[in-house]
């Protein structure tokens, strides 16, 4: 049986959960060890970065990547869920002001930078140990938590009132639904998120992703492994390489010292994340540096790192 280890870029279709996509991929690959670096709402489409096999142990290091989205914000109606699911179509829409593109561009610019968002009432965030969407469905009112996020860039792609087509580059954890609601409040007519496509996660692009149908086709053709990115190409950290005699000790948690290292890649400071490679250039652990790379190159014999994750 083929064992898949690495990162697979998958295109999530509309109307299914991210966990359903993972379930389907488990059936296709015939392996259970598949995880994610961030989910999408069922009504959103686009890029899922999935971790297979040994790569499930590095998902924690990929979850903080910036993301990009293409979104359609529909003016005139607010929604209890901030998207189309919570619309009350029995309520007449509010009149939409006759705005110019210049006015919309100026307004969108007000959201650029670090902003505070209120978490949507229908979300998986927990308050007092309970998911907000469970509390909302039971009609329980709670104080919604706030979080700081960063909008790196926000652009008006085109305007077809009542729809605004925008692109957003943002930090992890940004709620585009909340952004849509906030924009509607700022204009004064209300708004909701009509559609959402995730186009980028870190360095990974939707155009390089495959559908579940393609994954099945590649598996049947025996070439799926060619489309899975190895761990060594994914982790962006500086690295240390150990000699062959020390390699087996990494899995037991023994910390390498200067004499055990044969090669250094990149520069690093104390407490920064670094990868540890065995003699075959296979990443087998991630740790935090106990010395900086300058001190390391001077030859001082210190403990070099403390393990964060061993990829056995």
C-alpha atoms as a PDB file:
ATOM      1  CA  UNK A   1       0.000   0.000   0.000  1.00  0.00           C
ATOM      2  CA  UNK A   2       1.294   3.461  -0.922  1.00  0.00           C
ATOM      3  CA  UNK A   3       1.977   5.756   2.048  1.00  0.00           C
ATOM      4  CA  UNK A   4       1.526   9.455   1.317  1.00  0.00           C
ATOM      5  CA  UNK A   5       3.599  11.946   3.324  1.00  0.00           C
ATOM      6  CA  UNK A   6       3.524  15.653   2.560  1.00  0.00           C
ATOM      7  CA  UNK A   7       1.287  18.555   1.602  1.00  0.00           C
ATOM      8  CA  UNK A   8      -1.595  18.265  -0.838  1.00  0.00           C
ATOM      9  CA  UNK A   9      -3.357  21.343  -2.220  1.00  0.00           C
ATOM     10  CA  UNK A  10      -7.062  20.624  -2.600  1.00  0.00           C
ATOM     11  CA  UNK A  11      -9.887  22.713  -4.052  1.00  0.00           C
ATOM     12  CA  UNK A  12     -12.940  22.628  -1.794  1.00  0.00           C
ATOM     13  CA  UNK A  13     -16.266  22.725  -3.643  1.00  0.00           C
ATOM     14  CA  UNK A  14     -19.323  24.703  -2.569  1.00  0.00           C
ATOM     15  CA  UNK A  15     -21.740  23.284  -0.021  1.00  0.00           C
ATOM     16  CA  UNK A  16     -19.565  20.701   1.722  1.00  0.00           C
ATOM     17  CA  UNK A  17     -17.591  20.984   4.936  1.00  0.00           C
ATOM     18  CA  UNK A  18     -13.815  20.930   4.987  1.00  0.00           C
ATOM     19  CA  UNK A  19     -14.006  17.804   7.152  1.00  0.00           C
ATOM     20  CA  UNK A  20     -16.099  16.097   4.465  1.00  0.00           C
ATOM     21  CA  UNK A  21     -13.310  16.827   1.972  1.00  0.00           C
ATOM     22  CA  UNK A  22     -10.788  15.276   4.366  1.00  0.00           C
ATOM     23  CA  UNK A  23     -13.053  12.230   4.817  1.00  0.00           C
ATOM     24  CA  UNK A  24     -13.281  11.779   1.041  1.00  0.00           C
ATOM     25  CA  UNK A  25      -9.511  12.103   0.676  1.00  0.00           C
ATOM     26  CA  UNK A  26      -9.017   9.448   3.346  1.00  0.00           C
ATOM     27  CA  UNK A  27     -11.130   7.121   1.223  1.00  0.00           C
ATOM     28  CA  UNK A  28      -9.134   7.976  -1.897  1.00  0.00           C
ATOM     29  CA  UNK A  29      -5.715   7.514  -0.284  1.00  0.00           C
ATOM     30  CA  UNK A  30      -6.745   4.677   2.052  1.00  0.00           C
ATOM     31  CA  UNK A  31      -4.999   6.326   4.988  1.00  0.00           C
ATOM     32  CA  UNK A  32      -6.371   7.976   8.112  1.00  0.00           C
ATOM     33  CA  UNK A  33      -3.551  10.414   8.899  1.00  0.00           C
ATOM     34  CA  UNK A  34      -4.791  13.515   7.083  1.00  0.00           C
ATOM     35  CA  UNK A  35      -5.123  16.916   8.726  1.00  0.00           C
ATOM     36  CA  UNK A  36      -5.580  20.544   7.734  1.00  0.00           C
ATOM     37  CA  UNK A  37      -3.956  23.926   8.303  1.00  0.00           C
ATOM     38  CA  UNK A  38      -7.253  25.825   8.375  1.00  0.00           C
ATOM     39  CA  UNK A  39     -10.822  25.106   7.298  1.00  0.00           C
ATOM     40  CA  UNK A  40     -13.362  26.900   5.120  1.00  0.00           C
ATOM     41  CA  UNK A  41     -17.062  27.424   5.795  1.00  0.00           C
ATOM     42  CA  UNK A  42     -19.348  25.087   3.803  1.00  0.00           C
ATOM     43  CA  UNK A  43     -20.521  27.952   1.558  1.00  0.00           C
ATOM     44  CA  UNK A  44     -16.960  29.027   0.775  1.00  0.00           C
ATOM     45  CA  UNK A  45     -14.830  27.449  -1.932  1.00  0.00           C
ATOM     46  CA  UNK A  46     -11.145  27.410  -2.692  1.00  0.00           C
ATOM     47  CA  UNK A  47      -7.822  26.294  -1.339  1.00  0.00           C
ATOM     48  CA  UNK A  48      -7.372  23.796   1.479  1.00  0.00           C
ATOM     49  CA  UNK A  49      -3.788  22.981   2.466  1.00  0.00           C
ATOM     50  CA  UNK A  50      -3.915  19.386   3.703  1.00  0.00           C
ATOM     51  CA  UNK A  51      -1.232  17.434   5.561  1.00  0.00           C
ATOM     52  CA  UNK A  52      -0.822  13.728   4.835  1.00  0.00           C
ATOM     53  CA  UNK A  53       1.004  11.090   6.875  1.00  0.00           C
ATOM     54  CA  UNK A  54       4.084  12.434   8.679  1.00  0.00           C
ATOM     55  CA  UNK A  55       3.146  15.934   7.558  1.00  0.00           C
ATOM     56  CA  UNK A  56       0.227  15.986  10.019  1.00  0.00           C
ATOM     57  CA  UNK A  57       2.877  16.698  12.649  1.00  0.00           C
ATOM     58  CA  UNK A  58       3.887  19.967  10.976  1.00  0.00           C
ATOM     59  CA  UNK A  59       0.390  21.435  10.572  1.00  0.00           C
ATOM     60  CA  UNK A  60       0.955  23.574  13.680  1.00  0.00           C
ATOM     61  CA  UNK A  61       3.817  25.336  11.890  1.00  0.00           C
ATOM     62  CA  UNK A  62       1.711  26.163   8.827  1.00  0.00           C
ATOM     63  CA  UNK A  63      -1.420  27.500  10.525  1.00  0.00           C
ATOM     64  CA  UNK A  64      -0.170  31.081  10.843  1.00  0.00           C
ATOM     65  CA  UNK A  65       0.250  31.695   7.121  1.00  0.00           C
ATOM     66  CA  UNK A  66      -1.379  34.754   5.541  1.00  0.00           C
ATOM     67  CA  UNK A  67      -4.356  34.142   3.273  1.00  0.00           C
ATOM     68  CA  UNK A  68      -5.980  35.741   0.222  1.00  0.00           C
ATOM     69  CA  UNK A  69      -9.648  35.758  -0.758  1.00  0.00           C
ATOM     70  CA  UNK A  70     -11.932  36.871  -3.551  1.00  0.00           C
ATOM     71  CA  UNK A  71     -15.270  37.924  -2.076  1.00  0.00           C
ATOM     72  CA  UNK A  72     -18.606  39.325  -3.175  1.00  0.00           C
ATOM     73  CA  UNK A  73     -20.243  41.630  -0.638  1.00  0.00           C
ATOM     74  CA  UNK A  74     -23.943  42.245  -1.268  1.00  0.00           C
ATOM     75  CA  UNK A  75     -25.245  45.548   0.060  1.00  0.00           C
ATOM     76  CA  UNK A  76     -28.756  46.139   1.384  1.00  0.00           C
ATOM     77  CA  UNK A  77     -29.335  43.134   3.644  1.00  0.00           C
ATOM     78  CA  UNK A  78     -27.782  42.137   6.949  1.00  0.00           C
ATOM     79  CA  UNK A  79     -27.642  38.476   7.936  1.00  0.00           C
ATOM     80  CA  UNK A  80     -27.639  36.788  11.331  1.00  0.00           C
ATOM     81  CA  UNK A  81     -24.722  34.645  10.145  1.00  0.00           C
ATOM     82  CA  UNK A  82     -23.113  37.473   8.120  1.00  0.00           C
ATOM     83  CA  UNK A  83     -23.456  35.325   4.977  1.00  0.00           C
ATOM     84  CA  UNK A  84     -26.329  34.037   2.823  1.00  0.00           C
ATOM     85  CA  UNK A  85     -27.351  31.310   5.273  1.00  0.00           C
ATOM     86  CA  UNK A  86     -28.842  33.709   7.819  1.00  0.00           C
ATOM     87  CA  UNK A  87     -30.791  35.951   5.443  1.00  0.00           C
ATOM     88  CA  UNK A  88     -34.429  36.743   6.191  1.00  0.00           C
ATOM     89  CA  UNK A  89     -35.892  37.096   2.712  1.00  0.00           C
ATOM     90  CA  UNK A  90     -39.262  38.187   4.133  1.00  0.00           C
ATOM     91  CA  UNK A  91     -37.657  41.503   5.080  1.00  0.00           C
ATOM     92  CA  UNK A  92     -37.371  44.116   2.355  1.00  0.00           C
ATOM     93  CA  UNK A  93     -33.773  45.109   1.518  1.00  0.00           C
ATOM     94  CA  UNK A  94     -32.541  48.531   2.520  1.00  0.00           C
ATOM     95  CA  UNK A  95     -31.971  51.081  -0.232  1.00  0.00           C
ATOM     96  CA  UNK A  96     -28.347  51.124  -1.377  1.00  0.00           C
ATOM     97  CA  UNK A  97     -26.749  54.567  -1.715  1.00  0.00           C
ATOM     98  CA  UNK A  98     -25.647  55.590  -5.196  1.00  0.00           C
ATOM     99  CA  UNK A  99     -21.950  55.297  -4.422  1.00  0.00           C
ATOM    100  CA  UNK A 100     -19.052  55.985  -6.759  1.00  0.00           C
ATOM    101  CA  UNK A 101     -16.076  53.664  -7.166  1.00  0.00           C
ATOM    102  CA  UNK A 102     -13.851  56.319  -5.625  1.00  0.00           C
ATOM    103  CA  UNK A 103     -16.064  56.436  -2.532  1.00  0.00           C
ATOM    104  CA  UNK A 104     -15.989  52.644  -2.174  1.00  0.00           C
ATOM    105  CA  UNK A 105     -12.207  52.511  -2.613  1.00  0.00           C
ATOM    106  CA  UNK A 106     -11.792  55.182   0.067  1.00  0.00           C
ATOM    107  CA  UNK A 107     -14.121  53.298   2.412  1.00  0.00           C
ATOM    108  CA  UNK A 108     -12.344  49.966   1.898  1.00  0.00           C
ATOM    109  CA  UNK A 109      -9.039  51.659   2.679  1.00  0.00           C
ATOM    110  CA  UNK A 110     -10.330  52.405   6.176  1.00  0.00           C
ATOM    111  CA  UNK A 111     -10.144  48.673   6.934  1.00  0.00           C
ATOM    112  CA  UNK A 112      -6.519  48.278   5.866  1.00  0.00           C
ATOM    113  CA  UNK A 113      -4.001  47.547   8.622  1.00  0.00           C
ATOM    114  CA  UNK A 114      -4.528  46.081  12.073  1.00  0.00           C
ATOM    115  CA  UNK A 115      -8.196  46.091  13.017  1.00  0.00           C
ATOM    116  CA  UNK A 116     -10.357  44.622  15.766  1.00  0.00           C
ATOM    117  CA  UNK A 117     -13.066  42.213  14.666  1.00  0.00           C
ATOM    118  CA  UNK A 118     -15.988  40.880  16.668  1.00  0.00           C
ATOM    119  CA  UNK A 119     -16.202  37.114  16.210  1.00  0.00           C
ATOM    120  CA  UNK A 120     -19.386  36.132  14.294  1.00  0.00           C
ATOM    121  CA  UNK A 121     -22.153  34.666  16.488  1.00  0.00           C
ATOM    122  CA  UNK A 122     -22.291  31.623  14.206  1.00  0.00           C
ATOM    123  CA  UNK A 123     -18.694  30.413  14.471  1.00  0.00           C
ATOM    124  CA  UNK A 124     -16.711  27.574  16.028  1.00  0.00           C
ATOM    125  CA  UNK A 125     -15.065  29.820  18.631  1.00  0.00           C
ATOM    126  CA  UNK A 126     -15.759  28.643  22.176  1.00  0.00           C
ATOM    127  CA  UNK A 127     -17.124  30.795  25.007  1.00  0.00           C
ATOM    128  CA  UNK A 128     -17.185  29.118  28.424  1.00  0.00           C
ATOM    129  CA  UNK A 129     -16.416  25.815  26.721  1.00  0.00           C
ATOM    130  CA  UNK A 130     -19.308  25.949  24.240  1.00  0.00           C
ATOM    131  CA  UNK A 131     -19.251  26.691  20.517  1.00  0.00           C
ATOM    132  CA  UNK A 132     -20.797  30.023  19.584  1.00  0.00           C
ATOM    133  CA  UNK A 133     -22.915  28.450  16.840  1.00  0.00           C
ATOM    134  CA  UNK A 134     -24.459  26.048  19.371  1.00  0.00           C
ATOM    135  CA  UNK A 135     -25.333  28.938  21.674  1.00  0.00           C
ATOM    136  CA  UNK A 136     -26.705  31.020  18.794  1.00  0.00           C
ATOM    137  CA  UNK A 137     -28.950  28.211  17.553  1.00  0.00           C
ATOM    138  CA  UNK A 138     -30.419  27.892  21.040  1.00  0.00           C
ATOM    139  CA  UNK A 139     -31.097  31.611  21.157  1.00  0.00           C
ATOM    140  CA  UNK A 140     -28.645  32.254  23.985  1.00  0.00           C
ATOM    141  CA  UNK A 141     -27.071  35.698  23.994  1.00  0.00           C
ATOM    142  CA  UNK A 142     -23.416  35.934  24.993  1.00  0.00           C
ATOM    143  CA  UNK A 143     -20.804  38.646  24.784  1.00  0.00           C
ATOM    144  CA  UNK A 144     -18.967  37.975  21.550  1.00  0.00           C
ATOM    145  CA  UNK A 145     -15.165  37.966  21.871  1.00  0.00           C
ATOM    146  CA  UNK A 146     -12.980  40.373  19.920  1.00  0.00           C
ATOM    147  CA  UNK A 147      -9.731  39.623  18.124  1.00  0.00           C
ATOM    148  CA  UNK A 148      -7.067  41.672  16.401  1.00  0.00           C
ATOM    149  CA  UNK A 149      -6.351  40.780  12.783  1.00  0.00           C
ATOM    150  CA  UNK A 150      -4.510  42.485   9.967  1.00  0.00           C
ATOM    151  CA  UNK A 151      -5.827  43.365   6.531  1.00  0.00           C
ATOM    152  CA  UNK A 152      -2.638  43.487   4.469  1.00  0.00           C
ATOM    153  CA  UNK A 153      -4.421  44.681   1.331  1.00  0.00           C
ATOM    154  CA  UNK A 154      -8.019  45.175   0.208  1.00  0.00           C
ATOM    155  CA  UNK A 155      -8.997  46.108  -3.334  1.00  0.00           C
ATOM    156  CA  UNK A 156     -12.191  46.790  -5.220  1.00  0.00           C
ATOM    157  CA  UNK A 157     -12.100  44.487  -8.247  1.00  0.00           C
ATOM    158  CA  UNK A 158     -15.376  45.736  -9.693  1.00  0.00           C
ATOM    159  CA  UNK A 159     -18.638  47.301  -8.553  1.00  0.00           C
ATOM    160  CA  UNK A 160     -22.030  46.064  -9.757  1.00  0.00           C
ATOM    161  CA  UNK A 161     -24.392  47.470  -7.143  1.00  0.00           C
ATOM    162  CA  UNK A 162     -25.655  46.033  -4.915  1.00  0.00           C
ATOM    163  CA  UNK A 163     -22.564  43.804  -5.253  1.00  0.00           C
ATOM    164  CA  UNK A 164     -18.987  44.746  -4.448  1.00  0.00           C
ATOM    165  CA  UNK A 165     -16.354  42.340  -5.793  1.00  0.00           C
ATOM    166  CA  UNK A 166     -13.238  42.653  -3.643  1.00  0.00           C
ATOM    167  CA  UNK A 167      -9.913  40.901  -3.072  1.00  0.00           C
ATOM    168  CA  UNK A 168      -8.400  40.675   0.403  1.00  0.00           C
ATOM    169  CA  UNK A 169      -4.930  39.723   1.676  1.00  0.00           C
ATOM    170  CA  UNK A 170      -5.081  39.146   5.416  1.00  0.00           C
ATOM    171  CA  UNK A 171      -3.628  37.482   8.478  1.00  0.00           C
ATOM    172  CA  UNK A 172      -4.695  34.163   9.908  1.00  0.00           C
ATOM    173  CA  UNK A 173      -8.057  34.238  11.661  1.00  0.00           C
ATOM    174  CA  UNK A 174      -9.596  37.103   9.698  1.00  0.00           C
ATOM    175  CA  UNK A 175     -13.351  36.727   9.268  1.00  0.00           C
ATOM    176  CA  UNK A 176     -14.354  37.943   5.812  1.00  0.00           C
ATOM    177  CA  UNK A 177     -17.995  37.550   6.918  1.00  0.00           C
ATOM    178  CA  UNK A 178     -17.391  40.076   9.678  1.00  0.00           C
ATOM    179  CA  UNK A 179     -15.601  42.354   7.229  1.00  0.00           C
ATOM    180  CA  UNK A 180     -18.683  42.268   4.969  1.00  0.00           C
ATOM    181  CA  UNK A 181     -20.979  43.097   7.889  1.00  0.00           C
ATOM    182  CA  UNK A 182     -18.708  45.932   9.014  1.00  0.00           C
ATOM    183  CA  UNK A 183     -18.604  47.398   5.502  1.00  0.00           C
ATOM    184  CA  UNK A 184     -22.401  47.336   5.352  1.00  0.00           C
ATOM    185  CA  UNK A 185     -22.626  49.072   8.710  1.00  0.00           C
ATOM    186  CA  UNK A 186     -20.118  51.695   7.601  1.00  0.00           C
ATOM    187  CA  UNK A 187     -22.138  52.443   4.455  1.00  0.00           C
ATOM    188  CA  UNK A 188     -25.352  52.401   6.481  1.00  0.00           C
ATOM    189  CA  UNK A 189     -27.448  50.000   4.420  1.00  0.00           C
ATOM    190  CA  UNK A 190     -26.258  46.678   5.821  1.00  0.00           C
ATOM    191  CA  UNK A 191     -24.460  43.947   3.881  1.00  0.00           C
ATOM    192  CA  UNK A 192     -23.609  40.268   3.919  1.00  0.00           C
ATOM    193  CA  UNK A 193     -21.051  37.965   2.337  1.00  0.00           C
ATOM    194  CA  UNK A 194     -22.576  36.587  -0.867  1.00  0.00           C
ATOM    195  CA  UNK A 195     -19.651  34.405  -1.948  1.00  0.00           C
ATOM    196  CA  UNK A 196     -16.090  33.621  -0.906  1.00  0.00           C
ATOM    197  CA  UNK A 197     -13.145  31.943  -2.613  1.00  0.00           C
ATOM    198  CA  UNK A 198      -9.831  31.372  -0.842  1.00  0.00           C
ATOM    199  CA  UNK A 199      -7.176  31.899  -3.490  1.00  0.00           C
ATOM    200  CA  UNK A 200      -3.949  31.672  -1.479  1.00  0.00           C
ATOM    201  CA  UNK A 201      -2.483  30.268   1.740  1.00  0.00           C
ATOM    202  CA  UNK A 202       1.073  31.476   2.330  1.00  0.00           C
ATOM    203  CA  UNK A 203       3.066  30.606  -0.795  1.00  0.00           C
ATOM    204  CA  UNK A 204       0.398  28.181  -2.057  1.00  0.00           C
ATOM    205  CA  UNK A 205      -2.083  29.159  -4.762  1.00  0.00           C
ATOM    206  CA  UNK A 206      -5.519  27.844  -5.673  1.00  0.00           C
ATOM    207  CA  UNK A 207      -4.392  27.502  -9.300  1.00  0.00           C
ATOM    208  CA  UNK A 208      -2.052  24.699  -8.180  1.00  0.00           C
ATOM    209  CA  UNK A 209      -4.766  22.798  -6.272  1.00  0.00           C
ATOM    210  CA  UNK A 210      -6.551  19.648  -7.382  1.00  0.00           C
ATOM    211  CA  UNK A 211     -10.164  18.585  -7.026  1.00  0.00           C
ATOM    212  CA  UNK A 212     -11.131  15.364  -5.267  1.00  0.00           C
ATOM    213  CA  UNK A 213     -11.958  13.922  -8.677  1.00  0.00           C
ATOM    214  CA  UNK A 214      -8.460  14.689  -9.905  1.00  0.00           C
ATOM    215  CA  UNK A 215      -6.955  13.166  -6.751  1.00  0.00           C
ATOM    216  CA  UNK A 216      -8.835   9.941  -7.434  1.00  0.00           C
ATOM    217  CA  UNK A 217      -7.710   9.973 -11.068  1.00  0.00           C
ATOM    218  CA  UNK A 218      -4.059  10.505 -10.085  1.00  0.00           C
ATOM    219  CA  UNK A 219      -4.297   7.714  -7.504  1.00  0.00           C
ATOM    220  CA  UNK A 220      -5.712   5.294 -10.078  1.00  0.00           C
ATOM    221  CA  UNK A 221      -2.917   6.271 -12.472  1.00  0.00           C
ATOM    222  CA  UNK A 222      -0.319   5.703  -9.736  1.00  0.00           C
ATOM    223  CA  UNK A 223       1.004   9.268  -9.908  1.00  0.00           C
ATOM    224  CA  UNK A 224      -0.636  10.995  -6.908  1.00  0.00           C
ATOM    225  CA  UNK A 225       2.684  11.123  -5.036  1.00  0.00           C
ATOM    226  CA  UNK A 226       4.076  13.408  -7.750  1.00  0.00           C
ATOM    227  CA  UNK A 227       1.578  16.083  -6.708  1.00  0.00           C
ATOM    228  CA  UNK A 228       2.287  15.881  -2.973  1.00  0.00           C
ATOM    229  CA  UNK A 229       4.841  18.380  -1.727  1.00  0.00           C
ATOM    230  CA  UNK A 230       7.506  16.825   0.543  1.00  0.00           C
ATOM    231  CA  UNK A 231       7.945  18.172   4.061  1.00  0.00           C
ATOM    232  CA  UNK A 232      11.438  19.394   3.176  1.00  0.00           C
ATOM    233  CA  UNK A 233      10.004  21.806   0.582  1.00  0.00           C
ATOM    234  CA  UNK A 234       7.317  23.136   2.910  1.00  0.00           C
ATOM    235  CA  UNK A 235       8.905  24.133   6.206  1.00  0.00           C
ATOM    236  CA  UNK A 236      10.477  27.586   5.809  1.00  0.00           C
ATOM    237  CA  UNK A 237      12.875  27.370   8.753  1.00  0.00           C
ATOM    238  CA  UNK A 238      16.683  27.403   8.879  1.00  0.00           C
ATOM    239  CA  UNK A 239      18.063  23.934   9.509  1.00  0.00           C
ATOM    240  CA  UNK A 240      20.804  21.821  11.037  1.00  0.00           C
ATOM    241  CA  UNK A 241      21.945  18.528   9.570  1.00  0.00           C
ATOM    242  CA  UNK A 242      23.325  15.749  11.768  1.00  0.00           C
ATOM    243  CA  UNK A 243      25.766  13.013  10.831  1.00  0.00           C
ATOM    244  CA  UNK A 244      24.689   9.439  10.223  1.00  0.00           C
ATOM    245  CA  UNK A 245      25.735   8.119  13.650  1.00  0.00           C
ATOM    246  CA  UNK A 246      23.525  10.620  15.469  1.00  0.00           C
ATOM    247  CA  UNK A 247      20.432  10.305  13.257  1.00  0.00           C
ATOM    248  CA  UNK A 248      18.815   7.391  15.172  1.00  0.00           C
ATOM    249  CA  UNK A 249      19.030   9.325  18.453  1.00  0.00           C
ATOM    250  CA  UNK A 250      16.736  12.127  17.242  1.00  0.00           C
ATOM    251  CA  UNK A 251      13.699   9.882  17.557  1.00  0.00           C
ATOM    252  CA  UNK A 252      14.642   9.183  21.179  1.00  0.00           C
ATOM    253  CA  UNK A 253      14.757  12.897  21.981  1.00  0.00           C
ATOM    254  CA  UNK A 254      18.517  13.255  22.447  1.00  0.00           C
ATOM    255  CA  UNK A 255      19.627  16.822  21.760  1.00  0.00           C
ATOM    256  CA  UNK A 256      22.487  17.234  19.261  1.00  0.00           C
ATOM    257  CA  UNK A 257      25.632  19.143  20.148  1.00  0.00           C
ATOM    258  CA  UNK A 258      28.194  20.830  17.951  1.00  0.00           C
ATOM    259  CA  UNK A 259      30.113  17.649  17.194  1.00  0.00           C
ATOM    260  CA  UNK A 260      26.945  16.021  15.834  1.00  0.00           C
ATOM    261  CA  UNK A 261      26.296  18.669  13.156  1.00  0.00           C
ATOM    262  CA  UNK A 262      27.653  18.395   9.612  1.00  0.00           C
ATOM    263  CA  UNK A 263      25.902  21.324   7.914  1.00  0.00           C
ATOM    264  CA  UNK A 264      23.955  24.509   8.694  1.00  0.00           C
ATOM    265  CA  UNK A 265      21.365  26.136   6.439  1.00  0.00           C
ATOM    266  CA  UNK A 266      20.302  29.747   6.980  1.00  0.00           C
ATOM    267  CA  UNK A 267      20.641  32.189   9.871  1.00  0.00           C
ATOM    268  CA  UNK A 268      18.676  32.076  13.106  1.00  0.00           C
ATOM    269  CA  UNK A 269      18.375  33.747  16.488  1.00  0.00           C
ATOM    270  CA  UNK A 270      17.784  32.248  19.922  1.00  0.00           C
ATOM    271  CA  UNK A 271      14.250  30.841  20.315  1.00  0.00           C
ATOM    272  CA  UNK A 272      13.509  30.867  16.581  1.00  0.00           C
ATOM    273  CA  UNK A 273      12.168  27.689  15.012  1.00  0.00           C
ATOM    274  CA  UNK A 274      14.689  25.533  13.158  1.00  0.00           C
ATOM    275  CA  UNK A 275      14.440  22.173  11.413  1.00  0.00           C
ATOM    276  CA  UNK A 276      16.671  19.194  12.116  1.00  0.00           C
ATOM    277  CA  UNK A 277      17.667  16.987   9.184  1.00  0.00           C
ATOM    278  CA  UNK A 278      19.078  13.500   9.292  1.00  0.00           C
ATOM    279  CA  UNK A 279      22.018  12.428   7.149  1.00  0.00           C
ATOM    280  CA  UNK A 280      19.654  11.760   4.213  1.00  0.00           C
ATOM    281  CA  UNK A 281      18.381  15.377   4.258  1.00  0.00           C
ATOM    282  CA  UNK A 282      15.037  14.239   5.634  1.00  0.00           C
ATOM    283  CA  UNK A 283      13.494  16.632   8.189  1.00  0.00           C
ATOM    284  CA  UNK A 284      12.901  14.583  11.321  1.00  0.00           C
ATOM    285  CA  UNK A 285      12.293  17.261  13.965  1.00  0.00           C
ATOM    286  CA  UNK A 286      11.527  20.916  14.601  1.00  0.00           C
ATOM    287  CA  UNK A 287      12.903  22.781  17.596  1.00  0.00           C
ATOM    288  CA  UNK A 288      13.682  26.197  19.013  1.00  0.00           C
ATOM    289  CA  UNK A 289      17.271  27.375  18.793  1.00  0.00           C
ATOM    290  CA  UNK A 290      19.205  27.613  22.064  1.00  0.00           C
ATOM    291  CA  UNK A 291      21.986  29.591  20.350  1.00  0.00           C
ATOM    292  CA  UNK A 292      22.064  31.984  17.424  1.00  0.00           C
ATOM    293  CA  UNK A 293      23.707  31.007  14.168  1.00  0.00           C
ATOM    294  CA  UNK A 294      26.675  33.338  14.734  1.00  0.00           C
ATOM    295  CA  UNK A 295      27.578  31.699  18.041  1.00  0.00           C
ATOM    296  CA  UNK A 296      27.025  28.331  16.428  1.00  0.00           C
ATOM    297  CA  UNK A 297      29.519  29.081  13.681  1.00  0.00           C
ATOM    298  CA  UNK A 298      32.083  30.212  16.238  1.00  0.00           C
ATOM    299  CA  UNK A 299      32.232  26.631  17.423  1.00  0.00           C
ATOM    300  CA  UNK A 300      30.974  26.982  21.009  1.00  0.00           C
ATOM    301  CA  UNK A 301      29.727  23.632  22.288  1.00  0.00           C
ATOM    302  CA  UNK A 302      26.245  24.429  23.623  1.00  0.00           C
ATOM    303  CA  UNK A 303      22.923  22.665  23.596  1.00  0.00           C
ATOM    304  CA  UNK A 304      21.734  23.646  20.142  1.00  0.00           C
ATOM    305  CA  UNK A 305      17.962  23.370  20.389  1.00  0.00           C
ATOM    306  CA  UNK A 306      15.022  22.174  22.409  1.00  0.00           C
ATOM    307  CA  UNK A 307      12.577  19.952  20.582  1.00  0.00           C
ATOM    308  CA  UNK A 308       9.097  21.187  19.703  1.00  0.00           C
ATOM    309  CA  UNK A 309       8.069  18.266  17.500  1.00  0.00           C
ATOM    310  CA  UNK A 310       9.750  15.023  16.471  1.00  0.00           C
ATOM    311  CA  UNK A 311       8.391  13.691  13.178  1.00  0.00           C
ATOM    312  CA  UNK A 312       8.577   9.959  13.756  1.00  0.00           C
END
